[in-house]
Every structure is written in C-alpha cells, then in structure tokens.
Amino acid sequence: MAEALQLVHYDVGQEYTAHHDFGYASIRNPNQPARFATLLLYLNEGMTGGETQFPRWVNAETRHGLNAEPKIGKAVLFYSQLPDGNMDDWSHHAALPIREGEKWLMNLWVWDPVYEH
C-alpha cells in the first residue's frame, strides 16, 4: 500500500534538513504500520545544489555522505525498514539547498504492512 504521489518543488535557498521518512505507530495498533520504502523521482536537472544526501551512508571505502544528483528520469529507492522489521537509522537523508535554479521531484511512500491513513 502506498500514499498518493507528492509533487515537491524547491526554489533557491530551500532545502529539507536531514530526517527519516519513518515514524512509530501507536503501541495500541497491533499491525504496527510504518513507511517501508521511499521512491524519489526527479523531474528536472540543471540546478546547482539540490542533491539528495544520505549523510550516514558508509561502506568499506568511505564514511562521507552519499549524494544523488537530480537528473530527469532518475529515481532513488531506499528502505526505511530493515529485514527484521526495525527502522533503519541509516535511511537518514536530506535535500541539500538549491544554490541556482529550481528542483522538481515526486515522492512515493510505501507502507508495510497496513496503510491506515
């Protein structure tokens, strides 16, 4: 189950500071629904800045953040939940500030197991 697509626009100077897309369901909810995955669909390119950054990304070679540069038709898929059902703290991400131009994208949030909103 997924939420409706959201159209997102950023102008010069706008950003979305680092955050998670998941939240925590009420302890009273037996299904414990949560955002499972996020899909970002980039609709334009040519701006300066505006990368999607994963500041906690690490691998065997670096601990620097991973930046995804917006390009028309490019998509970024990432999971907010680990295979064991726990939330993934490394899904922490940000929309870096636009320095020149503008940025358009759509996002899709996928829920697991039950979407009740």
N, C-alpha and C. Protein backbone atom coordinates (compact mmCIF):
# COMPACT_ATOMS: atom_id res chain seq x y z
N MET A 1 0.85 -1.16 0.00
CA MET A 1 0.00 0.00 0.00
C MET A 1 0.90 1.24 0.00
N ALA A 2 0.47 2.28 -0.67
CA ALA A 2 1.29 3.49 -0.77
C ALA A 2 0.42 4.73 -0.60
N GLU A 3 1.07 5.79 -0.18
CA GLU A 3 0.42 7.10 -0.15
C GLU A 3 0.36 7.63 -1.57
N ALA A 4 -0.46 8.66 -1.79
CA ALA A 4 -0.52 9.29 -3.09
C ALA A 4 0.83 9.94 -3.41
N LEU A 5 1.17 9.97 -4.69
CA LEU A 5 2.39 10.67 -5.10
C LEU A 5 2.32 12.12 -4.66
N GLN A 6 3.45 12.65 -4.24
CA GLN A 6 3.53 14.06 -3.85
C GLN A 6 4.47 14.77 -4.81
N LEU A 7 4.02 15.91 -5.32
CA LEU A 7 4.86 16.77 -6.15
C LEU A 7 5.57 17.75 -5.22
N VAL A 8 6.89 17.83 -5.35
CA VAL A 8 7.71 18.66 -4.45
C VAL A 8 8.51 19.65 -5.30
N HIS A 9 8.57 20.89 -4.83
CA HIS A 9 9.30 21.94 -5.54
C HIS A 9 10.19 22.68 -4.55
N TYR A 10 11.44 22.92 -4.97
CA TYR A 10 12.40 23.70 -4.18
C TYR A 10 12.90 24.86 -5.02
N ASP A 11 12.89 26.07 -4.46
CA ASP A 11 13.48 27.25 -5.08
C ASP A 11 14.84 27.52 -4.46
N VAL A 12 15.54 28.51 -4.99
CA VAL A 12 16.86 28.88 -4.47
C VAL A 12 16.79 29.10 -2.96
N GLY A 13 17.73 28.49 -2.25
CA GLY A 13 17.80 28.63 -0.80
C GLY A 13 16.98 27.61 -0.03
N GLN A 14 16.06 26.93 -0.70
CA GLN A 14 15.23 25.96 0.00
C GLN A 14 15.94 24.62 0.13
N GLU A 15 15.66 23.94 1.21
CA GLU A 15 16.26 22.64 1.50
C GLU A 15 15.32 21.89 2.43
N TYR A 16 15.61 20.62 2.64
CA TYR A 16 14.91 19.82 3.64
C TYR A 16 16.02 19.17 4.45
N THR A 17 16.19 19.62 5.69
CA THR A 17 17.30 19.12 6.51
C THR A 17 17.15 17.61 6.76
N ALA A 18 18.24 17.00 7.18
CA ALA A 18 18.29 15.55 7.35
C ALA A 18 17.16 15.05 8.26
N HIS A 19 16.52 13.99 7.81
CA HIS A 19 15.36 13.44 8.51
C HIS A 19 15.18 11.97 8.09
N HIS A 20 14.28 11.30 8.78
CA HIS A 20 13.85 9.95 8.41
C HIS A 20 12.43 10.06 7.86
N ASP A 21 12.05 9.15 6.98
CA ASP A 21 10.67 9.12 6.49
C ASP A 21 9.78 8.25 7.37
N PHE A 22 10.36 7.48 8.25
CA PHE A 22 9.54 6.63 9.10
C PHE A 22 9.10 7.34 10.37
N GLY A 23 8.07 6.81 10.96
CA GLY A 23 7.59 7.24 12.27
C GLY A 23 7.29 5.97 13.06
N TYR A 24 6.75 6.13 14.22
CA TYR A 24 6.44 4.97 15.05
C TYR A 24 4.95 4.93 15.32
N ALA A 25 4.33 3.78 15.04
CA ALA A 25 2.90 3.60 15.26
C ALA A 25 2.60 3.52 16.75
N SER A 26 1.36 3.80 17.08
CA SER A 26 0.91 3.66 18.46
C SER A 26 1.12 2.23 18.93
N ILE A 27 1.53 2.09 20.16
CA ILE A 27 1.73 0.75 20.74
C ILE A 27 0.41 -0.03 20.77
N ARG A 28 -0.70 0.69 20.70
CA ARG A 28 -2.02 0.05 20.72
C ARG A 28 -2.41 -0.54 19.37
N ASN A 29 -1.68 -0.20 18.32
CA ASN A 29 -2.00 -0.70 16.98
C ASN A 29 -1.32 -2.05 16.78
N PRO A 30 -2.10 -3.13 16.68
CA PRO A 30 -1.50 -4.46 16.56
C PRO A 30 -0.74 -4.68 15.26
N ASN A 31 -1.06 -3.91 14.21
CA ASN A 31 -0.39 -4.09 12.92
C ASN A 31 0.93 -3.36 12.82
N GLN A 32 1.15 -2.34 13.64
CA GLN A 32 2.37 -1.54 13.63
C GLN A 32 2.75 -1.08 12.22
N PRO A 33 1.82 -0.39 11.52
CA PRO A 33 2.14 0.08 10.16
C PRO A 33 3.25 1.12 10.19
N ALA A 34 4.07 1.13 9.15
CA ALA A 34 5.17 2.09 9.05
C ALA A 34 5.54 2.28 7.59
N ARG A 35 6.11 3.43 7.30
CA ARG A 35 6.65 3.64 5.96
C ARG A 35 7.82 2.68 5.77
N PHE A 36 7.72 1.88 4.74
CA PHE A 36 8.69 0.82 4.48
C PHE A 36 9.78 1.27 3.51
N ALA A 37 9.38 2.04 2.49
CA ALA A 37 10.33 2.45 1.45
C ALA A 37 9.92 3.81 0.89
N THR A 38 10.89 4.49 0.30
CA THR A 38 10.67 5.78 -0.35
C THR A 38 11.23 5.71 -1.77
N LEU A 39 10.46 6.23 -2.72
CA LEU A 39 10.92 6.35 -4.09
C LEU A 39 10.88 7.83 -4.46
N LEU A 40 12.03 8.38 -4.85
CA LEU A 40 12.14 9.76 -5.30
C LEU A 40 12.32 9.75 -6.81
N LEU A 41 11.47 10.49 -7.52
CA LEU A 41 11.52 10.56 -8.98
C LEU A 41 11.86 11.98 -9.38
N TYR A 42 13.03 12.18 -9.97
CA TYR A 42 13.48 13.53 -10.33
C TYR A 42 12.87 13.95 -11.66
N LEU A 43 12.35 15.17 -11.71
CA LEU A 43 11.62 15.67 -12.88
C LEU A 43 12.39 16.71 -13.68
N ASN A 44 13.49 17.21 -13.13
CA ASN A 44 14.29 18.18 -13.87
C ASN A 44 15.76 18.04 -13.46
N GLU A 45 16.58 18.80 -14.14
CA GLU A 45 18.02 18.82 -13.84
C GLU A 45 18.54 20.20 -14.18
N GLY A 46 19.83 20.40 -13.99
CA GLY A 46 20.45 21.66 -14.36
C GLY A 46 20.56 22.67 -13.23
N MET A 47 20.02 22.36 -12.06
CA MET A 47 20.18 23.26 -10.92
C MET A 47 21.56 23.09 -10.32
N THR A 48 21.97 24.05 -9.54
CA THR A 48 23.20 23.93 -8.76
C THR A 48 22.76 23.63 -7.34
N GLY A 49 23.34 22.59 -6.76
CA GLY A 49 22.89 22.12 -5.44
C GLY A 49 21.70 21.20 -5.62
N GLY A 50 20.98 20.97 -4.52
CA GLY A 50 19.76 20.18 -4.58
C GLY A 50 19.93 18.68 -4.55
N GLU A 51 21.14 18.20 -4.33
CA GLU A 51 21.33 16.76 -4.27
C GLU A 51 20.55 16.17 -3.09
N THR A 52 20.17 14.90 -3.22
CA THR A 52 19.64 14.16 -2.09
C THR A 52 20.84 13.51 -1.43
N GLN A 53 21.04 13.82 -0.16
CA GLN A 53 22.22 13.31 0.54
C GLN A 53 21.81 12.33 1.63
N PHE A 54 22.58 11.25 1.71
CA PHE A 54 22.46 10.27 2.79
C PHE A 54 23.71 10.45 3.66
N PRO A 55 23.64 11.30 4.70
CA PRO A 55 24.84 11.66 5.45
C PRO A 55 25.44 10.54 6.29
N ARG A 56 24.67 9.51 6.59
CA ARG A 56 25.19 8.42 7.42
C ARG A 56 25.65 7.22 6.61
N TRP A 57 25.60 7.33 5.30
CA TRP A 57 25.99 6.24 4.41
C TRP A 57 27.45 5.90 4.64
N VAL A 58 27.73 4.61 4.74
CA VAL A 58 29.12 4.15 4.88
C VAL A 58 29.31 2.89 4.05
N ASN A 59 30.53 2.67 3.64
CA ASN A 59 30.91 1.40 3.03
C ASN A 59 32.34 1.11 3.43
N ALA A 60 32.95 0.15 2.81
CA ALA A 60 34.31 -0.23 3.21
C ALA A 60 35.36 0.81 2.83
N GLU A 61 35.01 1.76 1.96
CA GLU A 61 35.99 2.72 1.48
C GLU A 61 35.86 4.12 2.05
N THR A 62 34.68 4.50 2.51
CA THR A 62 34.48 5.88 2.94
C THR A 62 33.37 5.99 3.98
N ARG A 63 33.41 7.09 4.70
CA ARG A 63 32.33 7.45 5.61
C ARG A 63 31.72 8.78 5.22
N HIS A 64 32.07 9.28 4.03
CA HIS A 64 31.48 10.52 3.54
C HIS A 64 30.04 10.24 3.09
N GLY A 65 29.20 11.25 3.17
CA GLY A 65 27.82 11.09 2.74
C GLY A 65 27.72 10.73 1.27
N LEU A 66 26.64 10.07 0.93
CA LEU A 66 26.35 9.70 -0.45
C LEU A 66 25.38 10.74 -1.01
N ASN A 67 25.73 11.36 -2.15
CA ASN A 67 24.88 12.35 -2.78
C ASN A 67 24.32 11.80 -4.08
N ALA A 68 23.01 11.94 -4.27
CA ALA A 68 22.35 11.59 -5.53
C ALA A 68 22.00 12.89 -6.24
N GLU A 69 22.60 13.08 -7.42
CA GLU A 69 22.37 14.30 -8.19
C GLU A 69 21.09 14.16 -9.01
N PRO A 70 20.18 15.15 -8.92
CA PRO A 70 18.94 15.08 -9.69
C PRO A 70 19.20 15.10 -11.20
N LYS A 71 18.60 14.16 -11.91
CA LYS A 71 18.63 14.09 -13.37
C LYS A 71 17.24 13.68 -13.83
N ILE A 72 16.79 14.22 -14.95
CA ILE A 72 15.46 13.88 -15.47
C ILE A 72 15.35 12.38 -15.64
N GLY A 73 14.29 11.80 -15.11
CA GLY A 73 14.04 10.37 -15.24
C GLY A 73 14.79 9.49 -14.25
N LYS A 74 15.69 10.06 -13.47
CA LYS A 74 16.44 9.29 -12.48
C LYS A 74 15.56 9.08 -11.25
N ALA A 75 15.73 7.96 -10.60
CA ALA A 75 14.96 7.66 -9.39
C ALA A 75 15.91 7.13 -8.32
N VAL A 76 15.55 7.40 -7.08
CA VAL A 76 16.29 6.86 -5.94
C VAL A 76 15.28 6.09 -5.09
N LEU A 77 15.57 4.83 -4.82
CA LEU A 77 14.74 3.99 -3.96
C LEU A 77 15.56 3.65 -2.73
N PHE A 78 14.98 3.87 -1.56
CA PHE A 78 15.66 3.44 -0.34
C PHE A 78 14.63 2.96 0.67
N TYR A 79 15.09 2.09 1.54
CA TYR A 79 14.23 1.46 2.53
C TYR A 79 14.39 2.13 3.88
N SER A 80 13.28 2.27 4.58
CA SER A 80 13.28 2.84 5.92
C SER A 80 13.25 1.75 6.98
N GLN A 81 13.07 0.53 6.54
CA GLN A 81 12.89 -0.59 7.46
C GLN A 81 13.90 -1.68 7.12
N LEU A 82 14.48 -2.28 8.14
CA LEU A 82 15.40 -3.40 7.98
C LEU A 82 14.62 -4.69 7.77
N PRO A 83 15.25 -5.74 7.26
CA PRO A 83 14.53 -7.00 7.05
C PRO A 83 13.89 -7.57 8.31
N ASP A 84 14.44 -7.24 9.48
CA ASP A 84 13.87 -7.76 10.73
C ASP A 84 12.71 -6.90 11.25
N GLY A 85 12.33 -5.85 10.51
CA GLY A 85 11.21 -5.01 10.91
C GLY A 85 11.60 -3.77 11.68
N ASN A 86 12.85 -3.68 12.12
CA ASN A 86 13.30 -2.47 12.82
C ASN A 86 13.50 -1.34 11.81
N MET A 87 13.41 -0.10 12.29
CA MET A 87 13.62 1.05 11.44
C MET A 87 15.12 1.21 11.16
N ASP A 88 15.45 1.64 9.95
CA ASP A 88 16.85 1.76 9.53
C ASP A 88 17.33 3.19 9.74
N ASP A 89 18.15 3.41 10.74
CA ASP A 89 18.64 4.74 11.05
C ASP A 89 19.51 5.30 9.92
N TRP A 90 20.10 4.43 9.11
CA TRP A 90 20.95 4.89 8.01
C TRP A 90 20.14 5.38 6.81
N SER A 91 18.81 5.34 6.89
CA SER A 91 17.96 5.91 5.84
C SER A 91 17.83 7.43 6.01
N HIS A 92 18.49 7.96 7.01
CA HIS A 92 18.55 9.40 7.28
C HIS A 92 18.98 10.11 5.99
N HIS A 93 18.24 11.12 5.55
CA HIS A 93 18.55 11.77 4.28
C HIS A 93 18.12 13.23 4.30
N ALA A 94 18.63 13.99 3.34
CA ALA A 94 18.34 15.43 3.26
C ALA A 94 18.26 15.85 1.80
N ALA A 95 17.52 16.94 1.56
CA ALA A 95 17.55 17.62 0.27
C ALA A 95 18.46 18.83 0.47
N LEU A 96 19.63 18.81 -0.14
CA LEU A 96 20.59 19.90 0.04
C LEU A 96 20.05 21.19 -0.59
N PRO A 97 20.50 22.34 -0.10
CA PRO A 97 19.97 23.62 -0.59
C PRO A 97 20.19 23.83 -2.09
N ILE A 98 19.21 24.44 -2.72
CA ILE A 98 19.33 24.85 -4.12
C ILE A 98 20.11 26.16 -4.13
N ARG A 99 21.21 26.20 -4.88
CA ARG A 99 22.01 27.42 -4.97
C ARG A 99 21.67 28.22 -6.23
N GLU A 100 21.21 27.52 -7.26
CA GLU A 100 20.82 28.19 -8.51
C GLU A 100 19.81 27.31 -9.22
N GLY A 101 18.75 27.93 -9.76
CA GLY A 101 17.72 27.18 -10.48
C GLY A 101 16.62 26.73 -9.54
N GLU A 102 15.99 25.63 -9.89
CA GLU A 102 14.92 25.05 -9.07
C GLU A 102 14.93 23.54 -9.24
N LYS A 103 14.25 22.86 -8.32
CA LYS A 103 14.22 21.40 -8.34
C LYS A 103 12.78 20.94 -8.23
N TRP A 104 12.42 19.99 -9.10
CA TRP A 104 11.10 19.36 -9.07
C TRP A 104 11.29 17.86 -8.93
N LEU A 105 10.50 17.25 -8.07
CA LEU A 105 10.52 15.80 -7.94
C LEU A 105 9.17 15.31 -7.44
N MET A 106 8.98 14.03 -7.53
CA MET A 106 7.80 13.39 -6.92
C MET A 106 8.33 12.35 -5.95
N ASN A 107 7.59 12.19 -4.85
CA ASN A 107 7.98 11.11 -3.95
C ASN A 107 6.80 10.19 -3.71
N LEU A 108 7.13 8.94 -3.47
CA LEU A 108 6.14 7.90 -3.19
C LEU A 108 6.58 7.18 -1.94
N TRP A 109 5.71 7.16 -0.94
CA TRP A 109 5.99 6.44 0.30
C TRP A 109 5.19 5.15 0.31
N VAL A 110 5.89 4.04 0.50
CA VAL A 110 5.28 2.72 0.54
C VAL A 110 5.20 2.26 1.98
N TRP A 111 4.04 1.75 2.37
CA TRP A 111 3.80 1.33 3.75
C TRP A 111 3.82 -0.18 3.90
N ASP A 112 4.17 -0.62 5.10
CA ASP A 112 4.16 -2.04 5.44
C ASP A 112 3.77 -2.18 6.89
N PRO A 113 2.88 -3.07 7.27
CA PRO A 113 2.12 -3.94 6.39
C PRO A 113 0.76 -3.37 5.98
N VAL A 114 0.23 -2.44 6.75
CA VAL A 114 -1.10 -1.91 6.51
C VAL A 114 -1.05 -0.38 6.53
N TYR A 115 -1.61 0.23 5.50
CA TYR A 115 -1.68 1.70 5.45
C TYR A 115 -3.07 2.10 5.92
N GLU A 116 -3.12 2.89 7.01
CA GLU A 116 -4.41 3.21 7.63
C GLU A 116 -4.73 4.68 7.65
N HIS A 117 -4.07 5.53 6.87
CA HIS A 117 -4.31 6.96 6.94
C HIS A 117 -5.40 7.41 6.02
